[in-house]
Amino acid sequence: MGRESTQKPNYDILAFITTNKERLLGGKQLSLLAKNEEEAESLTEDIAKALKADVVQLKSGDYLILRV
């Protein structure tokens, strides 16, 4: 059985990776400041693979690693 259409999906943000220190978030998630876009992408892939989680790239270029 799948998730009922009336149920709200439960997303957990596990990590936030950015190259801009002004966008670092507070909270329970891991927040990382990468030196450049290549490092951000590499960190994101490695962490998501280790945590078996999904990745979302925001329009700003930042990454969210989340689990449903």
Protein backbone atom coordinates (compact mmCIF):
# COMPACT_ATOMS: atom_id res chain seq x y z
CA MET A 1 0.00 0.00 0.00
CA GLY A 2 1.17 3.51 -0.77
CA ARG A 3 0.84 6.70 1.17
CA GLU A 4 -2.74 7.89 1.46
CA SER A 5 -3.50 11.02 -0.56
CA THR A 6 -4.81 12.75 2.56
CA GLN A 7 -1.60 12.22 4.50
CA LYS A 8 0.96 15.00 4.56
CA PRO A 9 4.42 13.79 3.45
CA ASN A 10 6.99 13.85 6.23
CA TYR A 11 10.32 15.23 5.00
CA ASP A 12 13.43 15.38 7.16
CA ILE A 13 16.15 17.80 6.07
CA LEU A 14 19.38 15.99 6.88
CA ALA A 15 21.90 18.45 5.44
CA PHE A 16 22.20 21.83 3.72
CA ILE A 17 25.25 22.60 1.56
CA THR A 18 25.96 26.10 0.25
CA THR A 19 28.82 28.21 -1.08
CA ASN A 20 27.42 31.41 0.45
CA LYS A 21 27.93 31.88 4.21
CA GLU A 22 25.00 34.34 4.28
CA ARG A 23 22.60 31.45 3.56
CA LEU A 24 23.72 29.09 6.31
CA LEU A 25 20.69 27.86 8.23
CA GLY A 26 20.26 27.08 11.88
CA GLY A 27 18.46 24.00 13.11
CA LYS A 28 19.07 20.31 13.58
CA GLN A 29 20.37 19.61 10.05
CA LEU A 30 24.05 19.47 9.14
CA SER A 31 25.00 22.78 7.48
CA LEU A 32 28.19 22.91 5.41
CA LEU A 33 29.94 25.78 3.68
CA ALA A 34 31.76 24.62 0.53
CA LYS A 35 34.63 26.56 -1.04
CA ASN A 36 33.19 26.32 -4.57
CA GLU A 37 30.45 24.67 -6.63
CA GLU A 38 32.54 21.58 -7.39
CA GLU A 39 33.17 20.95 -3.71
CA ALA A 40 29.49 21.50 -2.91
CA GLU A 41 28.45 18.96 -5.52
CA SER A 42 31.01 16.41 -4.34
CA LEU A 43 30.04 16.82 -0.67
CA THR A 44 26.37 16.51 -1.55
CA GLU A 45 26.81 13.30 -3.54
CA ASP A 46 28.99 11.66 -0.87
CA ILE A 47 26.72 12.57 2.05
CA ALA A 48 23.52 11.59 0.23
CA LYS A 49 25.00 8.23 -0.73
CA ALA A 50 26.17 7.56 2.83
CA LEU A 51 22.77 8.48 4.30
CA LYS A 52 20.77 6.82 1.48
CA ALA A 53 18.89 10.07 1.01
CA ASP A 54 17.57 12.24 -1.82
CA VAL A 55 19.12 15.46 -3.13
CA VAL A 56 17.41 18.65 -4.23
CA GLN A 57 19.36 21.47 -5.87
CA LEU A 58 17.76 24.84 -5.25
CA LYS A 59 17.67 27.64 -7.84
CA SER A 60 20.28 29.44 -5.75
CA GLY A 61 22.71 26.56 -6.34
CA ASP A 62 22.46 25.30 -2.75
CA TYR A 63 21.72 21.65 -2.01
CA LEU A 64 19.29 19.99 0.38
CA ILE A 65 19.70 16.38 1.39
CA LEU A 66 16.41 14.98 2.61
CA ARG A 67 14.66 11.78 3.51
CA VAL A 68 10.96 11.08 3.04
